[in-house]
């Protein structure tokens, strides 16, 4: 049954598309007169937020070229769930003519829908940095933002992928004495409404 080797890189595509939404976010630092003194591009990486925060806790003075500093953002895939409400008929096919011969076609069956749960963590030292980042994200999700991808390289089709913002939670990790590092963490929970395609046949 599972003897057709194929790989459309769909999960990888969904993760890359999701990350690309948030890789050009900047914050401004102003002086008392309200003039912009510094503009910072917020770094973004794939991986759990706890990994970035633990390095800061262990080595607070660690400042190499690629130092982990705040503010920064990280995102990760949390889980995947089958989405029966988006299921199409199993035996339905999508066709495409091969070359100039209309009698030769390649096809793939309807995709299997999955909801991919993603979490975006915004880690900042002060509330204003977090507010600036959130205000550059929230207006675009009402509550979803749709992107288009080419899911299967062998088929000339484009698919719209809704990315739905489920909610935002805020956590203040400051505990203990005054020497301990403080981080405000805003976590945005998303659902990427993806589809997974089977092999392409002629």
Protein backbone atom coordinates (compact mmCIF):
# COMPACT_ATOMS: atom_id res chain seq x y z
CA UNK A 1 0.00 0.00 0.00
CA UNK A 2 2.70 2.50 0.99
CA UNK A 3 5.07 1.67 -1.87
CA UNK A 4 4.91 5.05 -3.67
CA UNK A 5 7.84 7.21 -2.62
CA UNK A 6 6.92 10.88 -2.81
CA UNK A 7 7.65 14.05 -0.89
CA UNK A 8 5.98 17.39 -1.62
CA UNK A 9 7.71 19.18 1.32
CA UNK A 10 4.31 20.45 2.43
CA UNK A 11 4.93 20.61 6.17
CA UNK A 12 8.20 22.42 5.48
CA UNK A 13 6.40 24.85 3.16
CA UNK A 14 3.76 25.62 5.78
CA UNK A 15 6.39 26.33 8.43
CA UNK A 16 8.39 28.57 6.09
CA UNK A 17 5.30 30.49 4.96
CA UNK A 18 4.26 31.01 8.57
CA UNK A 19 7.70 32.26 9.59
CA UNK A 20 7.95 34.61 6.62
CA UNK A 21 4.91 36.52 7.87
CA UNK A 22 6.85 37.77 10.89
CA UNK A 23 10.46 38.18 9.69
CA UNK A 24 10.31 41.92 8.96
CA UNK A 25 9.12 43.45 12.21
CA UNK A 26 10.89 46.50 13.65
CA UNK A 27 10.59 48.48 16.86
CA UNK A 28 11.61 52.08 17.55
CA UNK A 29 13.34 53.31 20.67
CA UNK A 30 12.59 56.97 21.44
CA UNK A 31 14.04 59.55 23.78
CA UNK A 32 12.09 61.70 26.20
CA UNK A 33 11.27 64.17 23.42
CA UNK A 34 9.65 61.45 21.35
CA UNK A 35 12.40 61.34 18.73
CA UNK A 36 13.45 57.97 17.35
CA UNK A 37 16.93 57.15 18.62
CA UNK A 38 17.21 53.56 17.45
CA UNK A 39 15.37 51.18 15.12
CA UNK A 40 15.75 47.47 15.85
CA UNK A 41 14.76 44.57 13.62
CA UNK A 42 13.28 41.89 15.86
CA UNK A 43 15.14 38.58 15.33
CA UNK A 44 13.04 35.53 14.52
CA UNK A 45 14.01 31.89 14.87
CA UNK A 46 12.33 28.50 14.72
CA UNK A 47 12.38 26.62 17.99
CA UNK A 48 10.90 26.60 21.48
CA UNK A 49 11.07 29.84 23.43
CA UNK A 50 12.39 28.07 26.53
CA UNK A 51 15.60 27.21 24.72
CA UNK A 52 16.34 30.87 23.99
CA UNK A 53 15.42 31.98 27.51
CA UNK A 54 17.49 29.26 29.18
CA UNK A 55 20.64 30.43 27.40
CA UNK A 56 20.02 33.95 28.67
CA UNK A 57 19.59 32.62 32.21
CA UNK A 58 22.78 30.52 32.09
CA UNK A 59 24.96 33.11 30.35
CA UNK A 60 23.50 36.59 30.88
CA UNK A 61 26.75 38.25 29.73
CA UNK A 62 27.17 36.04 26.67
CA UNK A 63 27.50 38.47 23.73
CA UNK A 64 28.90 36.79 20.62
CA UNK A 65 28.07 37.91 17.08
CA UNK A 66 24.82 35.93 17.16
CA UNK A 67 23.93 36.73 20.75
CA UNK A 68 20.47 35.92 22.05
CA UNK A 69 19.09 39.25 23.20
CA UNK A 70 15.68 40.72 23.81
CA UNK A 71 13.48 41.61 22.05
CA UNK A 72 13.23 38.51 19.90
CA UNK A 73 10.60 36.15 18.55
CA UNK A 74 10.47 32.42 18.09
CA UNK A 75 7.88 30.10 16.62
CA UNK A 76 7.30 26.38 16.68
CA UNK A 77 4.90 23.73 15.51
CA UNK A 78 2.87 22.47 18.46
CA UNK A 79 0.62 19.77 17.01
CA UNK A 80 -1.37 18.59 14.00
CA UNK A 81 -5.01 17.52 13.97
CA UNK A 82 -7.15 16.01 11.25
CA UNK A 83 -9.82 18.50 10.08
CA UNK A 84 -12.90 16.48 9.07
CA UNK A 85 -15.01 19.58 8.40
CA UNK A 86 -12.76 20.44 5.42
CA UNK A 87 -12.62 16.93 3.97
CA UNK A 88 -13.43 16.50 0.27
CA UNK A 89 -14.54 13.28 -1.36
CA UNK A 90 -11.73 10.76 -1.13
CA UNK A 91 -11.91 9.56 -4.75
CA UNK A 92 -11.97 13.07 -6.26
CA UNK A 93 -9.03 13.87 -8.51
CA UNK A 94 -7.21 16.95 -9.75
CA UNK A 95 -5.96 16.69 -13.33
CA UNK A 96 -3.39 18.47 -15.44
CA UNK A 97 -2.57 17.96 -19.10
CA UNK A 98 0.98 16.69 -19.70
CA UNK A 99 2.71 18.65 -22.44
CA UNK A 100 0.71 19.28 -25.63
CA UNK A 101 -1.05 15.92 -25.77
CA UNK A 102 -4.52 16.40 -24.27
CA UNK A 103 -4.95 12.62 -23.96
CA UNK A 104 -2.05 12.39 -21.49
CA UNK A 105 -2.68 13.73 -18.02
CA UNK A 106 -1.20 13.59 -14.58
CA UNK A 107 -3.41 13.62 -11.54
CA UNK A 108 -3.48 13.49 -7.78
CA UNK A 109 -6.33 12.67 -5.44
CA UNK A 110 -8.00 15.28 -3.27
CA UNK A 111 -5.83 16.30 -0.33
CA UNK A 112 -6.26 15.32 3.29
CA UNK A 113 -6.95 18.39 5.49
CA UNK A 114 -4.98 18.96 8.68
CA UNK A 115 -4.95 21.86 11.13
CA UNK A 116 -1.36 22.66 12.09
CA UNK A 117 -1.12 24.43 15.44
CA UNK A 118 1.68 26.98 15.59
CA UNK A 119 2.79 29.22 18.45
CA UNK A 120 4.60 32.53 18.03
CA UNK A 121 6.39 33.78 21.15
CA UNK A 122 7.33 37.44 21.50
CA UNK A 123 9.96 37.94 24.21
CA UNK A 124 10.69 41.48 25.36
CA UNK A 125 12.19 43.28 28.35
CA UNK A 126 9.62 46.06 28.56
CA UNK A 127 5.94 46.43 27.79
CA UNK A 128 6.35 49.08 25.08
CA UNK A 129 8.49 46.81 22.90
CA UNK A 130 5.85 44.10 23.14
CA UNK A 131 3.05 46.54 22.33
CA UNK A 132 4.88 47.75 19.21
CA UNK A 133 5.33 44.19 17.94
CA UNK A 134 1.74 43.17 18.68
CA UNK A 135 0.33 46.21 16.88
CA UNK A 136 2.25 45.22 13.74
CA UNK A 137 0.67 41.74 13.77
CA UNK A 138 -2.87 41.86 15.17
CA UNK A 139 -4.55 44.15 12.57
CA UNK A 140 -3.86 41.65 9.77
CA UNK A 141 -5.73 38.76 11.41
CA UNK A 142 -9.51 39.17 11.34
CA UNK A 143 -9.16 36.48 12.67
CA UNK A 144 -7.45 34.90 9.65
CA UNK A 145 -4.88 35.91 7.07
CA UNK A 146 -4.69 33.99 3.80
CA UNK A 147 -1.49 33.17 1.90
CA UNK A 148 -1.10 31.31 -1.39
CA UNK A 149 1.34 28.50 -2.09
CA UNK A 150 2.05 26.02 -4.85
CA UNK A 151 1.55 22.79 -2.90
CA UNK A 152 2.70 20.22 -5.45
CA UNK A 153 5.65 21.01 -7.70
CA UNK A 154 4.49 18.59 -10.42
CA UNK A 155 1.03 20.14 -10.66
CA UNK A 156 0.28 23.64 -11.90
CA UNK A 157 -2.10 24.66 -9.14
CA UNK A 158 -2.15 27.29 -6.40
CA UNK A 159 -3.78 26.81 -3.03
CA UNK A 160 -4.96 29.42 -0.50
CA UNK A 161 -3.92 28.64 3.07
CA UNK A 162 -5.84 30.44 5.85
CA UNK A 163 -3.80 31.16 8.98
CA UNK A 164 -6.15 31.79 11.90
CA UNK A 165 -5.19 33.66 15.07
CA UNK A 166 -6.78 31.84 18.01
CA UNK A 167 -5.72 34.11 20.86
CA UNK A 168 -2.96 35.93 22.71
CA UNK A 169 -1.65 35.21 26.20
CA UNK A 170 0.85 37.27 28.20
CA UNK A 171 3.27 36.01 30.82
CA UNK A 172 5.70 37.91 33.04
CA UNK A 173 8.59 35.60 33.95
CA UNK A 174 10.03 37.93 36.60
CA UNK A 175 10.31 36.16 39.93
CA UNK A 176 12.70 36.38 42.82
CA UNK A 177 15.30 39.05 43.55
CA UNK A 178 16.19 42.19 41.61
CA UNK A 179 19.18 40.57 39.93
CA UNK A 180 17.08 38.05 38.04
CA UNK A 181 16.40 38.75 34.36
CA UNK A 182 12.88 39.78 33.50
CA UNK A 183 11.08 38.84 30.29
CA UNK A 184 7.58 39.61 29.16
CA UNK A 185 6.34 36.87 26.84
CA UNK A 186 3.36 37.26 24.53
CA UNK A 187 2.29 33.96 22.98
CA UNK A 188 0.11 34.02 19.88
CA UNK A 189 -1.64 30.76 19.01
CA UNK A 190 -2.36 30.10 15.34
CA UNK A 191 -3.94 27.39 13.22
CA UNK A 192 -2.54 26.84 9.73
CA UNK A 193 -5.27 25.16 7.67
CA UNK A 194 -3.08 22.95 5.54
CA UNK A 195 -3.64 20.08 3.16
CA UNK A 196 -1.50 17.03 2.40
CA UNK A 197 -1.46 15.55 -1.09
CA UNK A 198 -0.64 12.03 -2.14
CA UNK A 199 1.57 10.96 -5.07
CA UNK A 200 1.16 12.36 -8.59
CA UNK A 201 0.37 9.71 -11.20
CA UNK A 202 0.19 9.70 -14.98
